[in-house]
Amino acid sequence: MNRRLQIFTNGFIKENPLLVLNIGLCSSLGVTTSIFNGLGMGIGMTFVLLMSEIVISIFRKLIPGAIRLPVFIIIIAAFTTIVQLVLQAYVTALYDALGVFLPLIVVNCIIMGRVEAFASKNKISDAILDAIGMGIGYTIVLVLISFIRELLGGGTLMAGTALKIDVIPEAYRIGMFNSAPGGFLVFGALAAMVQGAKQAKQAKIDAADKANRDAIKAQKKAEAQAAEAKAKAEAEAKKKALLEAALAKKAMADAQKVNEEKPAETSAVEKKEE
């Protein structure tokens, strides 16, 4: 379960195709001038990615390695065509807004990268989780970039739909955010925030590891000092015991010598008296 959850959530932050892997940027920055466009592109990409990963995962063992890339492109192109036809028939405004970036889904690095690196090597259940996770992560970033650019550049939200809201008066709008430099600026700021958060998290992990290593080192040092003190105390005790034993032995020898000399003195005194 933990492995599948990790596969699903990889695309959110850890392996986000835009903010971390930095692939598929051309179409992403080209369509994110409004939330409507960003959401539509994200859903279309997610559909193509999901269906492509499912088909390629099912037939992964039947696709010859020598022609796998052309086969992958044909499969992706088929589902991209489906998305194009559906949008052209039912969501004409979105179809016109996405323009050339819609057919370019076929050669998008995100889809090609995932089907080559993951779907062609894993079973279908894992491929579905990977596609949905990557698609959600991609769509969230697109909508976030679109929100900032539309709000600051156009002063509106949900432009192109019946839910359009005017937020910022025209005199206070920053037109640069509707252009390519504005898109790169917003993307760079978001990517920097993600990298900063990852570095801060890694710094905390490194600090915790260092503290753990220092604690282990201090514990080993204390144990070594304790063992050294114990050995020293035992040596002192042994030395003291040996010294005491030597003194006791000497005292016994002196006492024995005194006892031997005493009878001789007694005999000498008795002789003298006689």
C-alpha atoms as a PDB file:
ATOM      1  CA  MET A   1       0.000   0.000   0.000  1.00  0.00           C
ATOM      2  CA  ASN A   2       2.778   2.444   0.875  1.00  0.00           C
ATOM      3  CA  ARG A   3       4.493   1.721  -2.450  1.00  0.00           C
ATOM      4  CA  ARG A   4       1.317   2.455  -4.416  1.00  0.00           C
ATOM      5  CA  LEU A   5       0.678   5.611  -2.450  1.00  0.00           C
ATOM      6  CA  GLN A   6       4.218   6.745  -3.208  1.00  0.00           C
ATOM      7  CA  ILE A   7       3.712   6.051  -6.931  1.00  0.00           C
ATOM      8  CA  PHE A   8       0.485   8.087  -6.871  1.00  0.00           C
ATOM      9  CA  THR A   9       1.911  11.068  -4.965  1.00  0.00           C
ATOM     10  CA  ASN A  10       5.279  11.265  -6.749  1.00  0.00           C
ATOM     11  CA  GLY A  11       3.859  13.612  -9.359  1.00  0.00           C
ATOM     12  CA  PHE A  12       2.553  16.102  -6.808  1.00  0.00           C
ATOM     13  CA  ILE A  13       5.884  17.462  -5.528  1.00  0.00           C
ATOM     14  CA  LYS A  14       8.765  14.981  -5.495  1.00  0.00           C
ATOM     15  CA  GLU A  15       8.734  14.312  -9.260  1.00  0.00           C
ATOM     16  CA  ASN A  16       6.420  17.065 -10.448  1.00  0.00           C
ATOM     17  CA  PRO A  17       6.955  17.234 -14.224  1.00  0.00           C
ATOM     18  CA  LEU A  18       6.989  21.038 -14.321  1.00  0.00           C
ATOM     19  CA  LEU A  19       8.443  22.385 -11.077  1.00  0.00           C
ATOM     20  CA  VAL A  20      10.957  19.587 -10.399  1.00  0.00           C
ATOM     21  CA  LEU A  21      11.694  17.750 -13.652  1.00  0.00           C
ATOM     22  CA  ASN A  22      11.251  20.913 -15.768  1.00  0.00           C
ATOM     23  CA  ILE A  23       9.859  19.093 -18.808  1.00  0.00           C
ATOM     24  CA  GLY A  24       6.920  20.079 -21.022  1.00  0.00           C
ATOM     25  CA  LEU A  25       7.463  23.769 -20.313  1.00  0.00           C
ATOM     26  CA  CYS A  26       6.768  25.075 -23.824  1.00  0.00           C
ATOM     27  CA  SER A  27       3.082  24.176 -23.988  1.00  0.00           C
ATOM     28  CA  SER A  28       2.647  24.745 -20.266  1.00  0.00           C
ATOM     29  CA  LEU A  29       3.761  28.383 -20.380  1.00  0.00           C
ATOM     30  CA  GLY A  30       2.064  28.976 -23.725  1.00  0.00           C
ATOM     31  CA  VAL A  31      -1.470  28.162 -22.571  1.00  0.00           C
ATOM     32  CA  THR A  32      -1.482  29.400 -18.978  1.00  0.00           C
ATOM     33  CA  THR A  33      -2.855  32.887 -19.637  1.00  0.00           C
ATOM     34  CA  SER A  34      -6.199  31.923 -18.071  1.00  0.00           C
ATOM     35  CA  ILE A  35      -7.493  29.343 -15.604  1.00  0.00           C
ATOM     36  CA  PHE A  36      -9.886  27.999 -18.234  1.00  0.00           C
ATOM     37  CA  ASN A  37      -7.035  27.272 -20.650  1.00  0.00           C
ATOM     38  CA  GLY A  38      -4.762  25.793 -17.973  1.00  0.00           C
ATOM     39  CA  LEU A  39      -7.477  23.518 -16.596  1.00  0.00           C
ATOM     40  CA  GLY A  40      -8.478  22.365 -20.076  1.00  0.00           C
ATOM     41  CA  MET A  41      -4.877  21.602 -21.054  1.00  0.00           C
ATOM     42  CA  GLY A  42      -4.307  19.747 -17.778  1.00  0.00           C
ATOM     43  CA  ILE A  43      -7.388  17.562 -18.208  1.00  0.00           C
ATOM     44  CA  GLY A  44      -6.537  16.820 -21.841  1.00  0.00           C
ATOM     45  CA  MET A  45      -2.948  15.896 -20.969  1.00  0.00           C
ATOM     46  CA  THR A  46      -4.076  13.722 -18.069  1.00  0.00           C
ATOM     47  CA  PHE A  47      -6.502  11.823 -20.318  1.00  0.00           C
ATOM     48  CA  VAL A  48      -3.865  11.191 -22.998  1.00  0.00           C
ATOM     49  CA  LEU A  49      -1.275  10.195 -20.386  1.00  0.00           C
ATOM     50  CA  LEU A  50      -3.657   7.848 -18.586  1.00  0.00           C
ATOM     51  CA  MET A  51      -4.906   6.050 -21.686  1.00  0.00           C
ATOM     52  CA  SER A  52      -1.409   5.819 -23.207  1.00  0.00           C
ATOM     53  CA  GLU A  53       0.077   4.343 -20.027  1.00  0.00           C
ATOM     54  CA  ILE A  54      -2.767   1.810 -19.776  1.00  0.00           C
ATOM     55  CA  VAL A  55      -2.381   0.591 -23.361  1.00  0.00           C
ATOM     56  CA  ILE A  56       1.425   0.524 -23.272  1.00  0.00           C
ATOM     57  CA  SER A  57       1.477  -1.242 -19.910  1.00  0.00           C
ATOM     58  CA  ILE A  58      -0.924  -3.914 -21.199  1.00  0.00           C
ATOM     59  CA  PHE A  59       1.130  -4.606 -24.334  1.00  0.00           C
ATOM     60  CA  ARG A  60       4.583  -3.844 -22.885  1.00  0.00           C
ATOM     61  CA  LYS A  61       5.786  -7.429 -23.321  1.00  0.00           C
ATOM     62  CA  LEU A  62       4.569  -7.593 -26.933  1.00  0.00           C
ATOM     63  CA  ILE A  63       6.137  -4.350 -28.199  1.00  0.00           C
ATOM     64  CA  PRO A  64       9.586  -5.016 -29.739  1.00  0.00           C
ATOM     65  CA  GLY A  65      12.295  -2.919 -28.138  1.00  0.00           C
ATOM     66  CA  ALA A  66      13.707  -1.786 -31.491  1.00  0.00           C
ATOM     67  CA  ILE A  67      10.474  -0.029 -32.521  1.00  0.00           C
ATOM     68  CA  ARG A  68       9.044   0.883 -29.136  1.00  0.00           C
ATOM     69  CA  LEU A  69       9.336   4.675 -29.581  1.00  0.00           C
ATOM     70  CA  PRO A  70       7.404   4.809 -32.885  1.00  0.00           C
ATOM     71  CA  VAL A  71       4.749   2.569 -31.333  1.00  0.00           C
ATOM     72  CA  PHE A  72       4.524   4.840 -28.302  1.00  0.00           C
ATOM     73  CA  ILE A  73       4.102   7.910 -30.540  1.00  0.00           C
ATOM     74  CA  ILE A  74       1.324   6.238 -32.565  1.00  0.00           C
ATOM     75  CA  ILE A  75      -0.566   5.327 -29.371  1.00  0.00           C
ATOM     76  CA  ILE A  76      -0.172   8.828 -27.921  1.00  0.00           C
ATOM     77  CA  ALA A  77      -1.191  10.411 -31.248  1.00  0.00           C
ATOM     78  CA  ALA A  78      -4.381   8.325 -31.323  1.00  0.00           C
ATOM     79  CA  PHE A  79      -5.564   9.575 -27.942  1.00  0.00           C
ATOM     80  CA  THR A  80      -4.437  13.126 -28.704  1.00  0.00           C
ATOM     81  CA  THR A  81      -6.605  13.055 -31.808  1.00  0.00           C
ATOM     82  CA  ILE A  82      -9.560  11.933 -29.704  1.00  0.00           C
ATOM     83  CA  VAL A  83      -9.042  14.909 -27.370  1.00  0.00           C
ATOM     84  CA  GLN A  84      -8.760  17.288 -30.341  1.00  0.00           C
ATOM     85  CA  LEU A  85     -11.961  16.050 -31.958  1.00  0.00           C
ATOM     86  CA  VAL A  86     -13.932  16.155 -28.695  1.00  0.00           C
ATOM     87  CA  LEU A  87     -12.812  19.721 -27.917  1.00  0.00           C
ATOM     88  CA  GLN A  88     -13.436  20.860 -31.475  1.00  0.00           C
ATOM     89  CA  ALA A  89     -16.959  19.433 -31.350  1.00  0.00           C
ATOM     90  CA  TYR A  90     -18.052  20.379 -27.829  1.00  0.00           C
ATOM     91  CA  VAL A  91     -15.671  23.032 -26.390  1.00  0.00           C
ATOM     92  CA  THR A  92     -14.776  25.160 -29.383  1.00  0.00           C
ATOM     93  CA  ALA A  93     -13.560  28.120 -27.306  1.00  0.00           C
ATOM     94  CA  LEU A  94     -11.002  25.962 -25.533  1.00  0.00           C
ATOM     95  CA  TYR A  95      -9.992  24.284 -28.783  1.00  0.00           C
ATOM     96  CA  ASP A  96      -9.302  27.678 -30.353  1.00  0.00           C
ATOM     97  CA  ALA A  97      -7.473  28.963 -27.249  1.00  0.00           C
ATOM     98  CA  LEU A  98      -5.110  25.991 -27.041  1.00  0.00           C
ATOM     99  CA  GLY A  99      -4.365  26.198 -30.752  1.00  0.00           C
ATOM    100  CA  VAL A 100      -1.165  24.481 -31.890  1.00  0.00           C
ATOM    101  CA  PHE A 101      -0.294  23.359 -28.356  1.00  0.00           C
ATOM    102  CA  LEU A 102      -3.095  20.789 -28.445  1.00  0.00           C
ATOM    103  CA  PRO A 103      -1.647  18.577 -31.232  1.00  0.00           C
ATOM    104  CA  LEU A 104       1.810  19.066 -29.729  1.00  0.00           C
ATOM    105  CA  ILE A 105       0.679  16.823 -26.847  1.00  0.00           C
ATOM    106  CA  VAL A 106       1.841  13.969 -29.085  1.00  0.00           C
ATOM    107  CA  VAL A 107       5.500  14.892 -28.600  1.00  0.00           C
ATOM    108  CA  ASN A 108       5.185  16.267 -25.084  1.00  0.00           C
ATOM    109  CA  CYS A 109       8.186  15.178 -23.005  1.00  0.00           C
ATOM    110  CA  ILE A 110       6.008  14.429 -19.991  1.00  0.00           C
ATOM    111  CA  ILE A 111       3.971  11.743 -21.753  1.00  0.00           C
ATOM    112  CA  MET A 112       6.918  10.286 -23.661  1.00  0.00           C
ATOM    113  CA  GLY A 113       8.999  10.250 -20.485  1.00  0.00           C
ATOM    114  CA  ARG A 114       6.384   8.472 -18.368  1.00  0.00           C
ATOM    115  CA  VAL A 115       5.449   5.814 -20.923  1.00  0.00           C
ATOM    116  CA  GLU A 116       9.135   5.068 -21.593  1.00  0.00           C
ATOM    117  CA  ALA A 117      10.364   5.208 -17.979  1.00  0.00           C
ATOM    118  CA  PHE A 118       7.342   3.747 -16.175  1.00  0.00           C
ATOM    119  CA  ALA A 119       4.447   2.298 -18.177  1.00  0.00           C
ATOM    120  CA  SER A 120       6.675   0.123 -20.375  1.00  0.00           C
ATOM    121  CA  LYS A 121       8.227  -1.472 -17.275  1.00  0.00           C
ATOM    122  CA  ASN A 122       5.350  -1.800 -14.787  1.00  0.00           C
ATOM    123  CA  LYS A 123       1.978  -3.507 -14.476  1.00  0.00           C
ATOM    124  CA  ILE A 124      -1.266  -1.772 -15.369  1.00  0.00           C
ATOM    125  CA  SER A 125      -2.401  -0.901 -11.816  1.00  0.00           C
ATOM    126  CA  ASP A 126       0.854   0.936 -11.105  1.00  0.00           C
ATOM    127  CA  ALA A 127       0.709   2.636 -14.517  1.00  0.00           C
ATOM    128  CA  ILE A 128      -2.788   3.971 -13.765  1.00  0.00           C
ATOM    129  CA  LEU A 129      -1.675   5.380 -10.404  1.00  0.00           C
ATOM    130  CA  ASP A 130       1.400   6.964 -11.990  1.00  0.00           C
ATOM    131  CA  ALA A 131      -0.612   8.564 -14.808  1.00  0.00           C
ATOM    132  CA  ILE A 132      -3.289   9.972 -12.500  1.00  0.00           C
ATOM    133  CA  GLY A 133      -0.721  11.280 -10.004  1.00  0.00           C
ATOM    134  CA  MET A 134       1.416  12.910 -12.694  1.00  0.00           C
ATOM    135  CA  GLY A 135      -1.688  14.341 -14.372  1.00  0.00           C
ATOM    136  CA  ILE A 136      -3.012  15.835 -11.147  1.00  0.00           C
ATOM    137  CA  GLY A 137       0.382  17.348 -10.288  1.00  0.00           C
ATOM    138  CA  TYR A 138       0.702  18.782 -13.812  1.00  0.00           C
ATOM    139  CA  THR A 139      -2.833  20.208 -13.757  1.00  0.00           C
ATOM    140  CA  ILE A 140      -2.427  21.795 -10.316  1.00  0.00           C
ATOM    141  CA  VAL A 141       0.707  23.641 -11.433  1.00  0.00           C
ATOM    142  CA  LEU A 142      -0.954  24.768 -14.680  1.00  0.00           C
ATOM    143  CA  VAL A 143      -3.980  26.114 -12.803  1.00  0.00           C
ATOM    144  CA  LEU A 144      -1.756  27.854 -10.243  1.00  0.00           C
ATOM    145  CA  ILE A 145       0.347  29.554 -12.930  1.00  0.00           C
ATOM    146  CA  SER A 146      -2.826  30.447 -14.853  1.00  0.00           C
ATOM    147  CA  PHE A 147      -4.432  31.902 -11.718  1.00  0.00           C
ATOM    148  CA  ILE A 148      -1.492  34.217 -11.020  1.00  0.00           C
ATOM    149  CA  ARG A 149      -1.041  35.308 -14.635  1.00  0.00           C
ATOM    150  CA  GLU A 150      -4.742  35.863 -15.277  1.00  0.00           C
ATOM    151  CA  LEU A 151      -5.248  37.743 -12.029  1.00  0.00           C
ATOM    152  CA  LEU A 152      -2.232  40.041 -12.330  1.00  0.00           C
ATOM    153  CA  GLY A 153      -2.149  40.357 -16.112  1.00  0.00           C
ATOM    154  CA  GLY A 154      -5.825  40.380 -17.049  1.00  0.00           C
ATOM    155  CA  GLY A 155      -7.377  41.387 -13.734  1.00  0.00           C
ATOM    156  CA  THR A 156      -9.968  38.636 -14.087  1.00  0.00           C
ATOM    157  CA  LEU A 157     -10.654  35.059 -13.025  1.00  0.00           C
ATOM    158  CA  MET A 158     -12.200  32.309 -15.191  1.00  0.00           C
ATOM    159  CA  ALA A 159     -12.084  34.452 -18.332  1.00  0.00           C
ATOM    160  CA  GLY A 160     -13.669  32.753 -21.335  1.00  0.00           C
ATOM    161  CA  THR A 161     -16.450  31.192 -19.264  1.00  0.00           C
ATOM    162  CA  ALA A 162     -19.795  32.274 -17.866  1.00  0.00           C
ATOM    163  CA  LEU A 163     -18.132  32.446 -14.436  1.00  0.00           C
ATOM    164  CA  LYS A 164     -15.828  35.322 -15.395  1.00  0.00           C
ATOM    165  CA  ILE A 165     -15.057  37.687 -12.503  1.00  0.00           C
ATOM    166  CA  ASP A 166     -13.411  41.107 -12.800  1.00  0.00           C
ATOM    167  CA  VAL A 167     -11.080  41.511  -9.823  1.00  0.00           C
ATOM    168  CA  ILE A 168      -8.480  44.195 -10.606  1.00  0.00           C
ATOM    169  CA  PRO A 169      -9.357  47.442 -12.412  1.00  0.00           C
ATOM    170  CA  GLU A 170      -7.743  47.822 -15.813  1.00  0.00           C
ATOM    171  CA  ALA A 171      -5.505  50.687 -14.646  1.00  0.00           C
ATOM    172  CA  TYR A 172      -3.793  48.432 -12.090  1.00  0.00           C
ATOM    173  CA  ARG A 173      -3.224  45.375 -14.271  1.00  0.00           C
ATOM    174  CA  ILE A 174       0.327  44.265 -15.146  1.00  0.00           C
ATOM    175  CA  GLY A 175       0.235  43.381 -18.821  1.00  0.00           C
ATOM    176  CA  MET A 176       3.636  41.689 -18.724  1.00  0.00           C
ATOM    177  CA  PHE A 177       2.069  38.632 -17.093  1.00  0.00           C
ATOM    178  CA  ASN A 178       0.065  38.005 -20.268  1.00  0.00           C
ATOM    179  CA  SER A 179       3.300  37.648 -22.246  1.00  0.00           C
ATOM    180  CA  ALA A 180       6.057  35.018 -22.312  1.00  0.00           C
ATOM    181  CA  PRO A 181       8.352  36.853 -19.835  1.00  0.00           C
ATOM    182  CA  GLY A 182       5.514  36.965 -17.317  1.00  0.00           C
ATOM    183  CA  GLY A 183       4.961  33.232 -17.692  1.00  0.00           C
ATOM    184  CA  PHE A 184       8.644  32.492 -17.111  1.00  0.00           C
ATOM    185  CA  LEU A 185       8.683  34.848 -14.123  1.00  0.00           C
ATOM    186  CA  VAL A 186       5.743  33.115 -12.428  1.00  0.00           C
ATOM    187  CA  PHE A 187       7.120  29.672 -13.229  1.00  0.00           C
ATOM    188  CA  GLY A 188      10.577  30.622 -11.908  1.00  0.00           C
ATOM    189  CA  ALA A 189       9.098  31.944  -8.660  1.00  0.00           C
ATOM    190  CA  LEU A 190       7.082  28.765  -8.077  1.00  0.00           C
ATOM    191  CA  ALA A 191      10.031  26.519  -8.958  1.00  0.00           C
ATOM    192  CA  ALA A 192      12.260  28.485  -6.589  1.00  0.00           C
ATOM    193  CA  MET A 193       9.711  28.110  -3.789  1.00  0.00           C
ATOM    194  CA  VAL A 194       9.541  24.341  -4.316  1.00  0.00           C
ATOM    195  CA  GLN A 195      13.327  24.010  -4.418  1.00  0.00           C
ATOM    196  CA  GLY A 196      13.646  26.192  -1.319  1.00  0.00           C
ATOM    197  CA  ALA A 197      11.131  24.025   0.541  1.00  0.00           C
ATOM    198  CA  LYS A 198      12.974  20.845  -0.524  1.00  0.00           C
ATOM    199  CA  GLN A 199      16.326  22.274   0.554  1.00  0.00           C
ATOM    200  CA  ALA A 200      14.894  23.390   3.909  1.00  0.00           C
ATOM    201  CA  LYS A 201      13.448  19.913   4.458  1.00  0.00           C
ATOM    202  CA  GLN A 202      16.747  18.316   3.492  1.00  0.00           C
ATOM    203  CA  ALA A 203      18.613  20.691   5.817  1.00  0.00           C
ATOM    204  CA  LYS A 204      16.369  19.599   8.702  1.00  0.00           C
ATOM    205  CA  ILE A 205      16.994  15.952   7.847  1.00  0.00           C
ATOM    206  CA  ASP A 206      20.751  16.564   7.663  1.00  0.00           C
ATOM    207  CA  ALA A 207      20.681  18.450  10.982  1.00  0.00           C
ATOM    208  CA  ALA A 208      18.747  15.599  12.610  1.00  0.00           C
ATOM    209  CA  ASP A 209      21.208  13.057  11.203  1.00  0.00           C
ATOM    210  CA  LYS A 210      24.153  15.114  12.451  1.00  0.00           C
ATOM    211  CA  ALA A 211      22.595  15.441  15.899  1.00  0.00           C
ATOM    212  CA  ASN A 212      21.971  11.681  15.937  1.00  0.00           C
ATOM    213  CA  ARG A 213      25.563  10.962  14.904  1.00  0.00           C
ATOM    214  CA  ASP A 214      26.885  13.390  17.546  1.00  0.00           C
ATOM    215  CA  ALA A 215      24.707  11.742  20.188  1.00  0.00           C
ATOM    216  CA  ILE A 216      25.958   8.291  19.213  1.00  0.00           C
ATOM    217  CA  LYS A 217      29.544   9.564  19.220  1.00  0.00           C
ATOM    218  CA  ALA A 218      29.074  11.169  22.652  1.00  0.00           C
ATOM    219  CA  GLN A 219      27.493   7.976  23.980  1.00  0.00           C
ATOM    220  CA  LYS A 220      30.392   5.877  22.695  1.00  0.00           C
ATOM    221  CA  LYS A 221      32.865   8.341  24.204  1.00  0.00           C
ATOM    222  CA  ALA A 222      31.065   8.225  27.551  1.00  0.00           C
ATOM    223  CA  GLU A 223      31.000   4.420  27.429  1.00  0.00           C
ATOM    224  CA  ALA A 224      34.728   4.370  26.616  1.00  0.00           C
ATOM    225  CA  GLN A 225      35.477   6.769  29.474  1.00  0.00           C
ATOM    226  CA  ALA A 226      33.351   4.688  31.846  1.00  0.00           C
ATOM    227  CA  ALA A 227      35.121   1.512  30.764  1.00  0.00           C
ATOM    228  CA  GLU A 228      38.491   3.216  31.185  1.00  0.00           C
ATOM    229  CA  ALA A 229      37.554   4.481  34.652  1.00  0.00           C
ATOM    230  CA  LYS A 230      36.291   1.032  35.602  1.00  0.00           C
ATOM    231  CA  ALA A 231      39.515  -0.598  34.386  1.00  0.00           C
ATOM    232  CA  LYS A 232      41.555   1.994  36.255  1.00  0.00           C
ATOM    233  CA  ALA A 233      39.562   1.444  39.448  1.00  0.00           C
ATOM    234  CA  GLU A 234      39.960  -2.320  39.123  1.00  0.00           C
ATOM    235  CA  ALA A 235      43.700  -1.904  38.594  1.00  0.00           C
ATOM    236  CA  GLU A 236      43.957   0.354  41.661  1.00  0.00           C
ATOM    237  CA  ALA A 237      41.924  -2.096  43.716  1.00  0.00           C
ATOM    238  CA  LYS A 238      44.101  -4.990  42.570  1.00  0.00           C
ATOM    239  CA  LYS A 239      47.261  -3.015  43.327  1.00  0.00           C
ATOM    240  CA  LYS A 240      45.929  -2.123  46.760  1.00  0.00           C
ATOM    241  CA  ALA A 241      44.982  -5.737  47.421  1.00  0.00           C
ATOM    242  CA  LEU A 242      48.457  -6.913  46.403  1.00  0.00           C
ATOM    243  CA  LEU A 243      50.055  -4.265  48.606  1.00  0.00           C
ATOM    244  CA  GLU A 244      47.894  -5.263  51.556  1.00  0.00           C
ATOM    245  CA  ALA A 245      48.710  -8.922  50.963  1.00  0.00           C
ATOM    246  CA  ALA A 246      52.444  -8.130  50.848  1.00  0.00           C
ATOM    247  CA  LEU A 247      52.195  -6.111  54.088  1.00  0.00           C
ATOM    248  CA  ALA A 248      50.259  -8.897  55.747  1.00  0.00           C
ATOM    249  CA  LYS A 249      52.810 -11.428  54.585  1.00  0.00           C
ATOM    250  CA  LYS A 250      55.639  -9.252  55.895  1.00  0.00           C
ATOM    251  CA  ALA A 251      53.870  -8.796  59.233  1.00  0.00           C
ATOM    252  CA  MET A 252      53.421 -12.561  59.529  1.00  0.00           C
ATOM    253  CA  ALA A 253      57.108 -13.099  58.719  1.00  0.00           C
ATOM    254  CA  ASP A 254      58.133 -10.525  61.331  1.00  0.00           C
ATOM    255  CA  ALA A 255      55.884 -12.122  63.918  1.00  0.00           C
ATOM    256  CA  GLN A 256      57.260 -15.554  63.137  1.00  0.00           C
ATOM    257  CA  LYS A 257      60.817 -14.240  63.446  1.00  0.00           C
ATOM    258  CA  VAL A 258      60.009 -12.666  66.815  1.00  0.00           C
ATOM    259  CA  ASN A 259      58.478 -15.918  67.987  1.00  0.00           C
ATOM    260  CA  GLU A 260      61.614 -17.803  66.949  1.00  0.00           C
ATOM    261  CA  GLU A 261      63.961 -15.352  68.723  1.00  0.00           C
ATOM    262  CA  LYS A 262      61.980 -15.354  71.982  1.00  0.00           C
ATOM    263  CA  PRO A 263      62.651 -19.011  73.015  1.00  0.00           C
ATOM    264  CA  ALA A 264      66.392 -18.451  72.367  1.00  0.00           C
ATOM    265  CA  GLU A 265      66.453 -15.463  74.740  1.00  0.00           C
ATOM    266  CA  THR A 266      64.554 -17.439  77.361  1.00  0.00           C
ATOM    267  CA  SER A 267      67.103 -20.282  77.196  1.00  0.00           C
ATOM    268  CA  ALA A 268      69.976 -17.809  77.562  1.00  0.00           C
ATOM    269  CA  VAL A 269      68.420 -16.272  80.679  1.00  0.00           C
ATOM    270  CA  GLU A 270      67.830 -19.669  82.280  1.00  0.00           C
ATOM    271  CA  LYS A 271      71.456 -20.654  81.640  1.00  0.00           C
ATOM    272  CA  LYS A 272      72.667 -17.488  83.228  1.00  0.00           C
ATOM    273  CA  GLU A 273      70.595 -18.066  86.319  1.00  0.00           C
ATOM    274  CA  GLU A 274      72.001 -21.567  86.741  1.00  0.00           C
END
